[in-house]
C-alpha atoms as a PDB file:
ATOM      1  CA  MET A   1      60.820 -11.799  17.173  1.00  0.00           C
ATOM      2  CA  ASP A   2      58.845 -11.626  20.430  1.00  0.00           C
ATOM      3  CA  ARG A   3      55.780  -9.275  20.044  1.00  0.00           C
ATOM      4  CA  LEU A   4      57.270  -6.563  22.188  1.00  0.00           C
ATOM      5  CA  LEU A   5      60.248  -6.537  20.399  1.00  0.00           C
ATOM      6  CA  PHE A   6      58.957  -5.312  16.981  1.00  0.00           C
ATOM      7  CA  PRO A   7      57.338  -2.009  18.213  1.00  0.00           C
ATOM      8  CA  LEU A   8      60.606  -1.587  20.178  1.00  0.00           C
ATOM      9  CA  LEU A   9      62.763  -2.063  16.985  1.00  0.00           C
ATOM     10  CA  CYS A  10      60.337   0.539  15.279  1.00  0.00           C
ATOM     11  CA  ILE A  11      60.920   2.976  18.293  1.00  0.00           C
ATOM     12  CA  ALA A  12      64.532   2.566  18.451  1.00  0.00           C
ATOM     13  CA  LEU A  13      64.961   3.168  14.716  1.00  0.00           C
ATOM     14  CA  ALA A  14      62.823   6.220  14.944  1.00  0.00           C
ATOM     15  CA  ALA A  15      64.897   7.590  17.783  1.00  0.00           C
ATOM     16  CA  CYS A  16      67.980   7.612  15.706  1.00  0.00           C
ATOM     17  CA  ALA A  17      67.127  10.708  14.084  1.00  0.00           C
ATOM     18  CA  PRO A  18      68.162  13.907  16.134  1.00  0.00           C
ATOM     19  CA  SER A  19      65.506  15.973  17.624  1.00  0.00           C
ATOM     20  CA  SER A  20      65.523  19.561  18.286  1.00  0.00           C
ATOM     21  CA  PRO A  21      64.067  21.663  21.210  1.00  0.00           C
ATOM     22  CA  SER A  22      61.426  23.089  18.919  1.00  0.00           C
ATOM     23  CA  SER A  23      60.281  19.501  17.912  1.00  0.00           C
ATOM     24  CA  GLU A  24      60.203  18.324  21.347  1.00  0.00           C
ATOM     25  CA  ALA A  25      57.942  21.423  22.446  1.00  0.00           C
ATOM     26  CA  SER A  26      55.719  20.933  19.630  1.00  0.00           C
ATOM     27  CA  ALA A  27      55.024  17.229  20.869  1.00  0.00           C
ATOM     28  CA  THR A  28      53.385  19.128  24.112  1.00  0.00           C
ATOM     29  CA  ALA A  29      50.953  21.269  21.808  1.00  0.00           C
ATOM     30  CA  VAL A  30      47.486  19.962  20.754  1.00  0.00           C
ATOM     31  CA  LEU A  31      47.418  18.852  17.281  1.00  0.00           C
ATOM     32  CA  PRO A  32      45.186  20.896  15.001  1.00  0.00           C
ATOM     33  CA  PRO A  33      42.398  19.139  13.346  1.00  0.00           C
ATOM     34  CA  LEU A  34      42.906  18.284   9.716  1.00  0.00           C
ATOM     35  CA  GLY A  35      41.277  20.660   7.406  1.00  0.00           C
ATOM     36  CA  ALA A  36      37.844  20.898   6.424  1.00  0.00           C
ATOM     37  CA  ASP A  37      38.575  19.042   3.045  1.00  0.00           C
ATOM     38  CA  ALA A  38      39.485  15.927   4.900  1.00  0.00           C
ATOM     39  CA  LYS A  39      37.839  12.935   3.657  1.00  0.00           C
ATOM     40  CA  VAL A  40      36.278   9.869   5.119  1.00  0.00           C
ATOM     41  CA  TYR A  41      38.182   6.635   4.153  1.00  0.00           C
ATOM     42  CA  ALA A  42      35.252   3.892   4.596  1.00  0.00           C
ATOM     43  CA  HIS A  43      36.091   0.466   5.896  1.00  0.00           C
ATOM     44  CA  VAL A  44      35.447  -1.866   2.910  1.00  0.00           C
ATOM     45  CA  ASP A  45      35.055  -5.689   3.384  1.00  0.00           C
ATOM     46  CA  LEU A  46      37.302  -7.468   0.982  1.00  0.00           C
ATOM     47  CA  PRO A  47      37.379 -11.090   2.185  1.00  0.00           C
ATOM     48  CA  ASN A  48      40.028 -13.390   1.789  1.00  0.00           C
ATOM     49  CA  GLN A  49      39.536 -15.500  -1.296  1.00  0.00           C
ATOM     50  CA  ASP A  50      40.951 -18.629  -3.069  1.00  0.00           C
ATOM     51  CA  ASP A  51      44.403 -18.125  -4.726  1.00  0.00           C
ATOM     52  CA  ASN A  52      44.189 -16.835  -8.302  1.00  0.00           C
ATOM     53  CA  VAL A  53      47.721 -17.271  -9.332  1.00  0.00           C
ATOM     54  CA  LYS A  54      50.370 -19.623  -8.965  1.00  0.00           C
ATOM     55  CA  HIS A  55      53.951 -18.555  -8.175  1.00  0.00           C
ATOM     56  CA  ASP A  56      57.157 -20.358  -8.014  1.00  0.00           C
ATOM     57  CA  THR A  57      58.980 -18.307  -5.286  1.00  0.00           C
ATOM     58  CA  LEU A  58      56.119 -16.962  -3.183  1.00  0.00           C
ATOM     59  CA  LEU A  59      53.932 -18.989  -0.596  1.00  0.00           C
ATOM     60  CA  ILE A  60      50.371 -16.946  -0.488  1.00  0.00           C
ATOM     61  CA  TYR A  61      48.565 -16.588   2.771  1.00  0.00           C
ATOM     62  CA  THR A  62      45.633 -14.513   1.997  1.00  0.00           C
ATOM     63  CA  THR A  63      44.328 -13.005  -1.458  1.00  0.00           C
ATOM     64  CA  HIS A  64      42.137  -9.878  -1.644  1.00  0.00           C
ATOM     65  CA  ALA A  65      40.198  -8.491  -4.760  1.00  0.00           C
ATOM     66  CA  LEU A  66      40.195  -4.659  -5.125  1.00  0.00           C
ATOM     67  CA  GLY A  67      37.735  -4.447  -7.716  1.00  0.00           C
ATOM     68  CA  ASN A  68      39.683  -3.026 -10.517  1.00  0.00           C
ATOM     69  CA  GLY A  69      41.528  -5.846 -11.869  1.00  0.00           C
ATOM     70  CA  THR A  70      44.089  -5.868  -9.381  1.00  0.00           C
ATOM     71  CA  PHE A  71      44.625  -7.991  -6.252  1.00  0.00           C
ATOM     72  CA  VAL A  72      46.537  -7.791  -2.892  1.00  0.00           C
ATOM     73  CA  MET A  73      48.093 -10.690  -1.297  1.00  0.00           C
ATOM     74  CA  ALA A  74      50.147 -11.404   1.852  1.00  0.00           C
ATOM     75  CA  ALA A  75      52.830 -13.735   0.916  1.00  0.00           C
ATOM     76  CA  ARG A  76      56.375 -14.575   1.610  1.00  0.00           C
ATOM     77  CA  ASN A  77      59.356 -16.220  -0.253  1.00  0.00           C
ATOM     78  CA  MET A  78      59.217 -20.173   0.056  1.00  0.00           C
ATOM     79  CA  ASP A  79      62.936 -19.747   0.861  1.00  0.00           C
ATOM     80  CA  ASP A  80      62.370 -18.248   4.097  1.00  0.00           C
ATOM     81  CA  THR A  81      64.181 -14.979   4.908  1.00  0.00           C
ATOM     82  CA  ARG A  82      64.209 -12.711   7.720  1.00  0.00           C
ATOM     83  CA  GLU A  83      61.839 -10.212   6.020  1.00  0.00           C
ATOM     84  CA  GLY A  84      58.909 -12.682   6.254  1.00  0.00           C
ATOM     85  CA  LEU A  85      55.367 -11.673   4.795  1.00  0.00           C
ATOM     86  CA  ARG A  86      54.827  -8.785   2.539  1.00  0.00           C
ATOM     87  CA  LEU A  87      51.768  -7.447   0.694  1.00  0.00           C
ATOM     88  CA  PHE A  88      52.049  -7.670  -2.842  1.00  0.00           C
ATOM     89  CA  LEU A  89      49.884  -5.624  -5.500  1.00  0.00           C
ATOM     90  CA  TYR A  90      49.527  -7.462  -8.732  1.00  0.00           C
ATOM     91  CA  ARG A  91      47.283  -8.304 -11.783  1.00  0.00           C
ATOM     92  CA  PRO A  92      46.830 -12.164 -12.778  1.00  0.00           C
ATOM     93  CA  ARG A  93      48.192 -13.118 -16.133  1.00  0.00           C
ATOM     94  CA  PRO A  94      46.303 -15.529 -18.509  1.00  0.00           C
ATOM     95  CA  ASP A  95      48.830 -18.173 -17.749  1.00  0.00           C
ATOM     96  CA  SER A  96      47.843 -17.774 -13.944  1.00  0.00           C
ATOM     97  CA  THR A  97      51.198 -16.261 -12.948  1.00  0.00           C
ATOM     98  CA  ALA A  98      51.339 -12.717 -11.259  1.00  0.00           C
ATOM     99  CA  ASP A  99      52.378  -9.636 -12.735  1.00  0.00           C
ATOM    100  CA  VAL A 100      53.610  -8.045  -9.536  1.00  0.00           C
ATOM    101  CA  ILE A 101      53.273  -4.205  -9.343  1.00  0.00           C
ATOM    102  CA  ALA A 102      54.585  -3.306  -6.017  1.00  0.00           C
ATOM    103  CA  ALA A 103      55.518  -4.928  -2.601  1.00  0.00           C
ATOM    104  CA  SER A 104      55.341  -3.525   0.814  1.00  0.00           C
ATOM    105  CA  SER A 105      57.845  -3.262   3.604  1.00  0.00           C
ATOM    106  CA  PRO A 106      58.134  -6.621   5.261  1.00  0.00           C
ATOM    107  CA  ALA A 107      56.480  -8.082   8.460  1.00  0.00           C
ATOM    108  CA  TYR A 108      59.658  -9.702   9.702  1.00  0.00           C
ATOM    109  CA  ASP A 109      58.914 -12.384  12.112  1.00  0.00           C
ATOM    110  CA  SER A 110      55.125 -11.865  12.329  1.00  0.00           C
ATOM    111  CA  TYR A 111      53.118 -14.875  11.447  1.00  0.00           C
ATOM    112  CA  THR A 112      50.119 -12.756   9.936  1.00  0.00           C
ATOM    113  CA  MET A 113      49.718  -9.701   7.954  1.00  0.00           C
ATOM    114  CA  LEU A 114      46.130  -9.741   7.494  1.00  0.00           C
ATOM    115  CA  PRO A 115      45.089  -6.437   5.685  1.00  0.00           C
ATOM    116  CA  THR A 116      41.950  -4.415   6.319  1.00  0.00           C
ATOM    117  CA  PHE A 117      41.158  -1.866   3.824  1.00  0.00           C
ATOM    118  CA  PHE A 118      39.746   1.814   3.877  1.00  0.00           C
ATOM    119  CA  THR A 119      39.059   3.820   0.769  1.00  0.00           C
ATOM    120  CA  THR A 120      36.952   7.198  -0.099  1.00  0.00           C
ATOM    121  CA  GLY A 121      35.699   5.346  -3.433  1.00  0.00           C
ATOM    122  CA  ASP A 122      37.770   7.627  -5.398  1.00  0.00           C
ATOM    123  CA  THR A 123      41.012   5.858  -6.713  1.00  0.00           C
ATOM    124  CA  ALA A 124      42.939   9.277  -6.666  1.00  0.00           C
ATOM    125  CA  ASP A 125      42.826   9.168  -2.853  1.00  0.00           C
ATOM    126  CA  GLY A 126      44.432   5.844  -2.690  1.00  0.00           C
ATOM    127  CA  THR A 127      43.801   2.955  -0.051  1.00  0.00           C
ATOM    128  CA  ILE A 128      44.774   2.843   3.326  1.00  0.00           C
ATOM    129  CA  ILE A 129      45.578  -0.458   4.320  1.00  0.00           C
ATOM    130  CA  LEU A 130      46.003  -1.616   8.061  1.00  0.00           C
ATOM    131  CA  ALA A 131      47.888  -4.944   8.328  1.00  0.00           C
ATOM    132  CA  ASN A 132      47.276  -6.831  11.668  1.00  0.00           C
ATOM    133  CA  LEU A 133      50.866  -8.269  12.745  1.00  0.00           C
ATOM    134  CA  GLY A 134      51.146 -11.106  15.278  1.00  0.00           C
ATOM    135  CA  GLU A 135      50.663 -14.821  15.841  1.00  0.00           C
ATOM    136  CA  LYS A 136      47.642 -16.034  17.631  1.00  0.00           C
ATOM    137  CA  GLN A 137      47.137 -12.512  19.316  1.00  0.00           C
ATOM    138  CA  SER A 138      47.787  -9.303  17.661  1.00  0.00           C
ATOM    139  CA  TRP A 139      50.899  -7.214  18.105  1.00  0.00           C
ATOM    140  CA  GLY A 140      49.494  -4.071  16.410  1.00  0.00           C
ATOM    141  CA  GLN A 141      49.050  -2.612  12.884  1.00  0.00           C
ATOM    142  CA  LYS A 142      51.403  -1.801  10.064  1.00  0.00           C
ATOM    143  CA  VAL A 143      49.707   1.245   8.147  1.00  0.00           C
ATOM    144  CA  PHE A 144      50.177   1.588   4.385  1.00  0.00           C
ATOM    145  CA  TRP A 145      49.111   3.977   1.742  1.00  0.00           C
ATOM    146  CA  LEU A 146      48.374   2.069  -1.553  1.00  0.00           C
ATOM    147  CA  LYS A 147      48.481   4.805  -4.061  1.00  0.00           C
ATOM    148  CA  ASP A 148      49.693   5.183  -7.714  1.00  0.00           C
ATOM    149  CA  GLY A 149      50.805   1.564  -7.851  1.00  0.00           C
ATOM    150  CA  ARG A 150      53.039   1.583  -4.701  1.00  0.00           C
ATOM    151  CA  PHE A 151      52.893   0.953  -1.061  1.00  0.00           C
ATOM    152  CA  THR A 152      53.645   3.866   1.487  1.00  0.00           C
ATOM    153  CA  ASP A 153      54.728   2.766   4.751  1.00  0.00           C
ATOM    154  CA  LEU A 154      53.086   5.454   7.351  1.00  0.00           C
ATOM    155  CA  GLY A 155      54.048   3.898  10.333  1.00  0.00           C
ATOM    156  CA  PHE A 156      53.071   1.157  13.355  1.00  0.00           C
ATOM    157  CA  ILE A 157      49.857   1.536  15.378  1.00  0.00           C
ATOM    158  CA  ASP A 158      51.121  -0.192  18.930  1.00  0.00           C
ATOM    159  CA  ALA A 159      47.749  -1.142  20.028  1.00  0.00           C
ATOM    160  CA  ALA A 160      44.982  -3.763  20.092  1.00  0.00           C
ATOM    161  CA  GLU A 161      41.605  -4.684  21.381  1.00  0.00           C
ATOM    162  CA  ARG A 162      41.701  -6.445  24.789  1.00  0.00           C
ATOM    163  CA  GLU A 163      38.928  -8.952  25.559  1.00  0.00           C
ATOM    164  CA  ARG A 164      38.493 -11.060  28.473  1.00  0.00           C
ATOM    165  CA  ARG A 165      38.313 -14.867  27.685  1.00  0.00           C
ATOM    166  CA  THR A 166      37.708 -17.677  29.500  1.00  0.00           C
ATOM    167  CA  GLU A 167      38.902 -21.549  29.134  1.00  0.00           C
ATOM    168  CA  ASP A 168      38.250 -23.996  31.564  1.00  0.00           C
ATOM    169  CA  ASP A 169      38.697 -22.426  34.897  1.00  0.00           C
ATOM    170  CA  SER A 170      41.041 -19.666  33.683  1.00  0.00           C
ATOM    171  CA  THR A 171      40.089 -16.194  32.704  1.00  0.00           C
ATOM    172  CA  PHE A 172      42.673 -14.191  30.914  1.00  0.00           C
ATOM    173  CA  ASN A 173      43.555 -11.248  28.728  1.00  0.00           C
ATOM    174  CA  TRP A 174      43.286 -11.814  24.719  1.00  0.00           C
ATOM    175  CA  TYR A 175      44.828  -9.139  22.316  1.00  0.00           C
ATOM    176  CA  ALA A 176      42.703  -8.812  19.138  1.00  0.00           C
ATOM    177  CA  ASN A 177      43.071  -7.223  15.913  1.00  0.00           C
ATOM    178  CA  ILE A 178      41.797  -3.541  16.397  1.00  0.00           C
ATOM    179  CA  ALA A 179      41.860  -2.637  12.809  1.00  0.00           C
ATOM    180  CA  PRO A 180      37.744  -3.276  12.405  1.00  0.00           C
ATOM    181  CA  ARG A 181      37.441  -0.496  15.088  1.00  0.00           C
ATOM    182  CA  VAL A 182      39.515   2.237  13.451  1.00  0.00           C
ATOM    183  CA  ASP A 183      38.152   5.170  11.460  1.00  0.00           C
ATOM    184  CA  VAL A 184      40.222   7.067   8.808  1.00  0.00           C
ATOM    185  CA  ARG A 185      40.150  10.452   7.666  1.00  0.00           C
ATOM    186  CA  GLY A 186      42.720  12.058   5.274  1.00  0.00           C
ATOM    187  CA  ALA A 187      43.748  15.214   3.517  1.00  0.00           C
ATOM    188  CA  GLY A 188      46.786  16.470   1.854  1.00  0.00           C
ATOM    189  CA  GLY A 189      48.721  13.363   2.445  1.00  0.00           C
ATOM    190  CA  ARG A 190      47.932  13.495   6.248  1.00  0.00           C
ATOM    191  CA  PHE A 191      45.795  10.989   8.153  1.00  0.00           C
ATOM    192  CA  ASP A 192      43.787  10.531  11.303  1.00  0.00           C
ATOM    193  CA  LEU A 193      43.195   7.222  12.699  1.00  0.00           C
ATOM    194  CA  THR A 194      40.647   7.298  15.522  1.00  0.00           C
ATOM    195  CA  PHE A 195      38.769   4.382  17.288  1.00  0.00           C
ATOM    196  CA  HIS A 196      35.345   3.701  18.138  1.00  0.00           C
ATOM    197  CA  GLY A 197      34.125   1.378  20.905  1.00  0.00           C
ATOM    198  CA  ASP A 198      34.541   1.338  24.678  1.00  0.00           C
ATOM    199  CA  SER A 199      38.606   1.057  24.918  1.00  0.00           C
ATOM    200  CA  VAL A 200      41.988   0.524  23.193  1.00  0.00           C
ATOM    201  CA  MET A 201      44.715  -1.173  24.890  1.00  0.00           C
ATOM    202  CA  VAL A 202      47.921   0.602  23.907  1.00  0.00           C
ATOM    203  CA  TYR A 203      51.100  -1.432  24.315  1.00  0.00           C
ATOM    204  CA  ASP A 204      53.590   1.472  24.961  1.00  0.00           C
ATOM    205  CA  ASP A 205      52.135   4.870  25.857  1.00  0.00           C
ATOM    206  CA  LEU A 206      55.554   6.470  25.324  1.00  0.00           C
ATOM    207  CA  GLN A 207      55.618   7.804  28.984  1.00  0.00           C
ATOM    208  CA  GLY A 208      56.578   4.658  30.807  1.00  0.00           C
ATOM    209  CA  GLY A 209      53.209   2.495  30.682  1.00  0.00           C
ATOM    210  CA  SER A 210      52.797  -0.643  28.984  1.00  0.00           C
ATOM    211  CA  GLU A 211      49.607  -2.606  28.238  1.00  0.00           C
ATOM    212  CA  VAL A 212      47.515   0.499  29.172  1.00  0.00           C
ATOM    213  CA  LEU A 213      43.792   0.393  28.808  1.00  0.00           C
ATOM    214  CA  LEU A 214      42.439   3.741  27.836  1.00  0.00           C
ATOM    215  CA  PRO A 215      38.880   4.900  26.408  1.00  0.00           C
ATOM    216  CA  ALA A 216      38.844   4.732  22.693  1.00  0.00           C
ATOM    217  CA  SER A 217      37.914   8.670  22.688  1.00  0.00           C
ATOM    218  CA  ARG A 218      41.286   9.423  24.255  1.00  0.00           C
ATOM    219  CA  ILE A 219      43.345   7.621  21.542  1.00  0.00           C
ATOM    220  CA  ALA A 220      44.455   8.595  18.027  1.00  0.00           C
ATOM    221  CA  TYR A 221      47.204   8.208  15.525  1.00  0.00           C
ATOM    222  CA  ARG A 222      48.174  11.167  13.313  1.00  0.00           C
ATOM    223  CA  TYR A 223      50.321  10.668  10.230  1.00  0.00           C
ATOM    224  CA  ASP A 224      51.729  14.260   9.649  1.00  0.00           C
ATOM    225  CA  GLY A 225      53.150  13.473   6.423  1.00  0.00           C
ATOM    226  CA  THR A 226      56.427  12.242   7.888  1.00  0.00           C
ATOM    227  CA  ARG A 227      55.770   9.899  10.685  1.00  0.00           C
ATOM    228  CA  LEU A 228      52.666   8.346  12.556  1.00  0.00           C
ATOM    229  CA  LEU A 229      52.435   9.682  15.944  1.00  0.00           C
ATOM    230  CA  LEU A 230      50.608   8.339  19.001  1.00  0.00           C
ATOM    231  CA  VAL A 231      48.086  11.037  20.152  1.00  0.00           C
ATOM    232  CA  ILE A 232      46.449  10.735  23.725  1.00  0.00           C
ATOM    233  CA  ASP A 233      44.185  13.479  24.882  1.00  0.00           C
ATOM    234  CA  GLY A 234      44.815  15.591  21.550  1.00  0.00           C
ATOM    235  CA  ARG A 235      48.648  15.571  22.303  1.00  0.00           C
ATOM    236  CA  PRO A 236      51.039  13.561  20.415  1.00  0.00           C
ATOM    237  CA  ARG A 237      53.714  11.758  22.151  1.00  0.00           C
ATOM    238  CA  LEU A 238      57.287  11.415  20.755  1.00  0.00           C
ATOM    239  CA  PRO A 239      59.097   8.264  20.801  1.00  0.00           C
ATOM    240  CA  HIS A 240      61.725   7.631  23.635  1.00  0.00           C
ATOM    241  CA  THR A 241      65.008   8.875  23.040  1.00  0.00           C
ATOM    242  CA  LEU A 242      68.279   6.805  23.490  1.00  0.00           C
END
Protein backbone atom coordinates (compact mmCIF):
# COMPACT_ATOMS: atom_id res chain seq x y z
CA MET A 1 0.00 0.00 0.00
CA ASP A 2 1.33 3.43 -0.92
CA ARG A 3 2.13 5.73 2.04
CA LEU A 4 -0.58 8.15 1.01
CA LEU A 5 -3.19 5.42 0.64
CA PHE A 6 -3.01 4.27 4.25
CA PRO A 7 -4.18 7.54 5.89
CA LEU A 8 -6.67 8.05 3.04
CA LEU A 9 -8.14 4.63 3.85
CA CYS A 10 -8.43 5.64 7.52
CA ILE A 11 -10.10 8.92 6.51
CA ALA A 12 -12.50 7.19 4.14
CA LEU A 13 -13.59 4.74 6.81
CA ALA A 14 -14.13 7.55 9.30
CA ALA A 15 -16.09 9.53 6.75
CA CYS A 16 -18.60 6.71 6.30
CA ALA A 17 -20.21 7.66 9.60
CA PRO A 18 -22.99 10.21 9.09
CA SER A 19 -22.37 13.71 10.39
CA SER A 20 -24.86 16.12 11.82
CA PRO A 21 -24.95 19.92 11.59
CA SER A 22 -24.11 20.12 15.28
CA SER A 23 -21.02 17.92 14.88
CA GLU A 24 -19.87 20.00 11.91
CA ALA A 25 -20.39 23.21 13.85
CA SER A 26 -18.50 21.88 16.86
CA ALA A 27 -15.46 21.33 14.65
CA THR A 28 -15.16 25.10 14.18
CA ALA A 29 -15.02 25.83 17.91
CA VAL A 30 -11.79 26.06 19.86
CA LEU A 31 -11.28 22.87 21.86
CA PRO A 32 -11.35 23.38 25.62
CA PRO A 33 -8.23 22.23 27.43
CA LEU A 34 -8.11 18.96 29.30
CA GLY A 35 -9.00 19.23 32.98
CA ALA A 36 -6.60 20.23 35.72
CA ASP A 37 -6.29 16.55 36.60
CA ALA A 38 -4.61 15.76 33.28
CA LYS A 39 -1.41 13.78 33.74
CA VAL A 40 1.80 13.94 31.76
CA TYR A 41 2.72 10.73 29.98
CA ALA A 42 6.51 10.95 29.77
CA HIS A 43 8.50 9.37 26.96
CA VAL A 44 10.30 6.28 28.28
CA ASP A 45 13.15 4.68 26.38
CA LEU A 46 12.45 0.97 25.95
CA PRO A 47 15.11 -0.06 23.43
CA ASN A 48 14.78 -3.01 21.12
CA GLN A 49 16.32 -6.11 22.68
CA ASP A 50 17.09 -9.63 21.51
CA ASP A 51 14.14 -11.95 21.01
CA ASN A 52 13.32 -13.79 24.24
CA VAL A 53 10.73 -16.21 22.86
CA LYS A 54 10.39 -18.63 19.99
CA HIS A 55 7.16 -18.71 18.01
CA ASP A 56 6.11 -21.19 15.35
CA THR A 57 3.84 -18.80 13.46
CA LEU A 58 5.17 -15.29 14.15
CA LEU A 59 8.15 -13.50 12.64
CA ILE A 60 9.41 -11.08 15.30
CA TYR A 61 10.72 -7.64 14.31
CA THR A 62 11.28 -5.83 17.64
CA THR A 63 11.03 -6.70 21.34
CA HIS A 64 10.57 -4.24 24.22
CA ALA A 65 10.49 -4.96 27.98
CA LEU A 66 7.78 -3.13 29.94
CA GLY A 67 9.52 -3.79 33.25
CA ASN A 68 6.73 -5.79 34.90
CA GLY A 69 7.48 -9.19 33.42
CA THR A 70 5.58 -8.44 30.22
CA PHE A 71 6.89 -7.48 26.80
CA VAL A 72 5.64 -5.86 23.62
CA MET A 73 6.82 -7.20 20.30
CA ALA A 74 6.12 -6.11 16.75
CA ALA A 75 5.57 -9.26 14.71
CA ARG A 76 3.67 -10.66 11.75
CA ASN A 77 2.49 -14.07 10.68
CA MET A 78 5.12 -16.11 8.86
CA ASP A 79 2.40 -17.02 6.41
CA ASP A 80 2.08 -13.52 5.03
CA THR A 81 -1.40 -12.03 5.21
CA ARG A 82 -2.75 -8.63 4.25
CA GLU A 83 -2.86 -7.60 7.93
CA GLY A 84 0.93 -7.52 8.23
CA LEU A 85 2.54 -6.36 11.47
CA ARG A 86 0.82 -6.10 14.84
CA LEU A 87 1.94 -5.31 18.37
CA PHE A 88 1.68 -8.24 20.77
CA LEU A 89 1.64 -8.05 24.57
CA TYR A 90 3.02 -11.26 26.05
CA ARG A 91 4.84 -13.06 28.86
CA PRO A 92 7.67 -15.46 28.12
CA ARG A 93 7.01 -19.00 29.32
CA PRO A 94 9.76 -21.17 30.85
CA ASP A 95 9.89 -23.19 27.61
CA SER A 96 10.63 -19.96 25.64
CA THR A 97 7.20 -19.83 24.04
CA ALA A 98 5.05 -16.70 24.26
CA ASP A 99 1.96 -16.42 26.42
CA VAL A 100 0.20 -13.83 24.23
CA ILE A 101 -2.10 -11.61 26.27
CA ALA A 102 -3.31 -9.18 23.58
CA ALA A 103 -2.71 -8.08 20.00
CA SER A 104 -3.19 -4.66 18.43
CA SER A 105 -4.97 -3.77 15.23
CA PRO A 106 -2.77 -4.40 12.17
CA ALA A 107 -0.39 -2.19 10.19
CA TYR A 108 -1.41 -3.72 6.85
CA ASP A 109 1.25 -3.01 4.18
CA SER A 110 3.63 -1.06 6.40
CA TYR A 111 7.16 -2.44 6.57
CA THR A 112 7.62 -1.13 10.12
CA MET A 113 5.64 -0.85 13.33
CA LEU A 114 8.26 0.74 15.55
CA PRO A 115 6.77 1.58 18.98
CA THR A 116 7.55 4.60 21.17
CA PHE A 117 6.23 4.43 24.74
CA PHE A 118 4.75 7.08 27.07
CA THR A 119 3.73 6.50 30.69
CA THR A 120 2.79 8.38 33.86
CA GLY A 121 4.57 5.78 35.99
CA ASP A 122 1.20 4.58 37.34
CA THR A 123 0.05 1.28 35.83
CA ALA A 124 -3.57 2.35 36.41
CA ASP A 125 -3.13 5.01 33.71
CA GLY A 126 -1.92 2.55 31.10
CA THR A 127 0.71 3.25 28.46
CA ILE A 128 0.36 5.33 25.29
CA ILE A 129 2.19 3.76 22.35
CA LEU A 130 2.94 5.55 19.09
CA ALA A 131 3.77 2.97 16.42
CA ASN A 132 5.67 4.43 13.48
CA LEU A 133 4.48 3.05 10.15
CA GLY A 134 6.26 3.23 6.83
CA GLU A 135 9.11 1.80 4.82
CA LYS A 136 12.36 3.74 4.80
CA GLN A 137 10.48 6.97 5.52
CA SER A 138 7.63 7.52 7.97
CA TRP A 139 3.99 7.31 6.93
CA GLY A 140 2.79 8.56 10.33
CA GLN A 141 1.84 6.98 13.65
CA LYS A 142 -0.79 4.54 14.87
CA VAL A 143 -1.73 5.53 18.43
CA PHE A 144 -2.59 2.83 20.97
CA TRP A 145 -3.59 2.90 24.62
CA LEU A 146 -2.29 -0.23 26.35
CA LYS A 147 -4.32 -0.66 29.52
CA ASP A 148 -5.67 -3.60 31.52
CA GLY A 149 -4.04 -6.09 29.19
CA ARG A 150 -5.52 -4.81 25.93
CA PHE A 151 -4.65 -2.43 23.09
CA THR A 152 -7.16 0.29 22.26
CA ASP A 153 -6.62 1.82 18.82
CA LEU A 154 -7.04 5.59 19.29
CA GLY A 155 -6.39 6.60 15.68
CA PHE A 156 -3.72 7.79 13.26
CA ILE A 157 -1.32 10.74 13.38
CA ASP A 158 -0.86 11.77 9.76
CA ALA A 159 2.39 13.65 10.35
CA ALA A 160 6.15 13.27 10.24
CA GLU A 161 9.35 15.20 10.90
CA ARG A 162 10.66 16.75 7.71
CA GLU A 163 14.41 16.72 7.30
CA ARG A 164 16.56 18.08 4.49
CA ARG A 165 19.13 15.52 3.37
CA THR A 166 21.91 15.69 0.85
CA GLU A 167 23.32 12.72 -1.03
CA ASP A 168 25.88 13.18 -3.76
CA ASP A 169 24.80 16.44 -5.41
CA SER A 170 21.07 16.18 -4.59
CA THR A 171 19.17 17.73 -1.67
CA PHE A 172 15.74 16.34 -0.89
CA ASN A 173 13.04 16.09 1.78
CA TRP A 174 13.14 13.09 4.10
CA TYR A 175 10.17 12.24 6.32
CA ALA A 176 11.27 10.84 9.67
CA ASN A 177 9.59 9.35 12.74
CA ILE A 178 7.91 12.20 14.67
CA ALA A 179 7.18 10.16 17.83
CA PRO A 180 10.24 11.30 19.85
CA ARG A 181 8.99 14.88 19.47
CA VAL A 182 5.50 14.19 20.81
CA ASP A 183 4.27 15.23 24.27
CA VAL A 184 1.29 13.37 25.76
CA ARG A 185 -1.20 14.42 28.45
CA GLY A 186 -4.33 12.54 29.46
CA ALA A 187 -7.38 12.77 31.71
CA GLY A 188 -10.53 10.67 31.92
CA GLY A 189 -9.78 8.60 28.84
CA ARG A 190 -9.05 11.70 26.70
CA PHE A 191 -5.60 12.62 25.44
CA ASP A 192 -3.76 15.56 23.94
CA LEU A 193 -0.74 14.90 21.76
CA THR A 194 1.31 18.01 21.07
CA PHE A 195 4.72 18.56 19.48
CA HIS A 196 7.95 20.20 20.51
CA GLY A 197 10.64 21.47 18.18
CA ASP A 198 10.44 23.83 15.23
CA SER A 199 7.95 22.36 12.77
CA VAL A 200 5.75 19.40 11.88
CA MET A 201 4.96 18.13 8.41
CA VAL A 202 1.27 17.22 8.07
CA TYR A 203 0.54 14.91 5.15
CA ASP A 204 -3.09 16.10 4.84
CA ASP A 205 -4.36 19.21 6.64
CA LEU A 206 -7.99 18.22 5.87
CA GLN A 207 -8.54 21.52 4.05
CA GLY A 208 -6.99 20.63 0.72
CA GLY A 209 -3.33 20.97 1.67
CA SER A 210 -0.86 18.10 1.39
CA GLU A 211 2.63 17.83 2.89
CA VAL A 212 2.06 21.09 4.77
CA LEU A 213 4.92 22.26 7.00
CA LEU A 214 3.63 24.15 10.05
CA PRO A 215 5.16 25.43 13.30
CA ALA A 216 5.00 22.72 15.95
CA SER A 217 3.14 25.07 18.31
CA ARG A 218 0.15 25.21 15.92
CA ILE A 219 -0.36 21.43 15.64
CA ALA A 220 -1.95 18.96 18.06
CA TYR A 221 -4.09 15.84 18.10
CA ARG A 222 -6.96 15.33 20.56
CA TYR A 223 -8.49 11.95 21.38
CA ASP A 224 -11.92 12.96 22.64
CA GLY A 225 -12.96 9.52 23.85
CA THR A 226 -14.26 8.49 20.43
CA ARG A 227 -11.80 9.54 17.75
CA LEU A 228 -8.44 11.20 17.20
CA LEU A 229 -8.81 14.70 15.75
CA LEU A 230 -6.24 16.84 13.99
CA VAL A 231 -6.19 20.24 15.72
CA ILE A 232 -4.66 23.30 14.08
CA ASP A 233 -4.59 26.64 15.91
CA GLY A 234 -6.77 25.12 18.62
CA ARG A 235 -9.58 24.12 16.24
CA PRO A 236 -10.32 20.52 15.27
CA ARG A 237 -10.60 19.54 11.64
CA LEU A 238 -12.97 16.81 10.57
CA PRO A 239 -12.11 14.27 7.85
CA HIS A 240 -13.33 14.98 4.36
CA THR A 241 -16.88 13.75 3.73
CA LEU A 242 -17.68 11.67 0.66
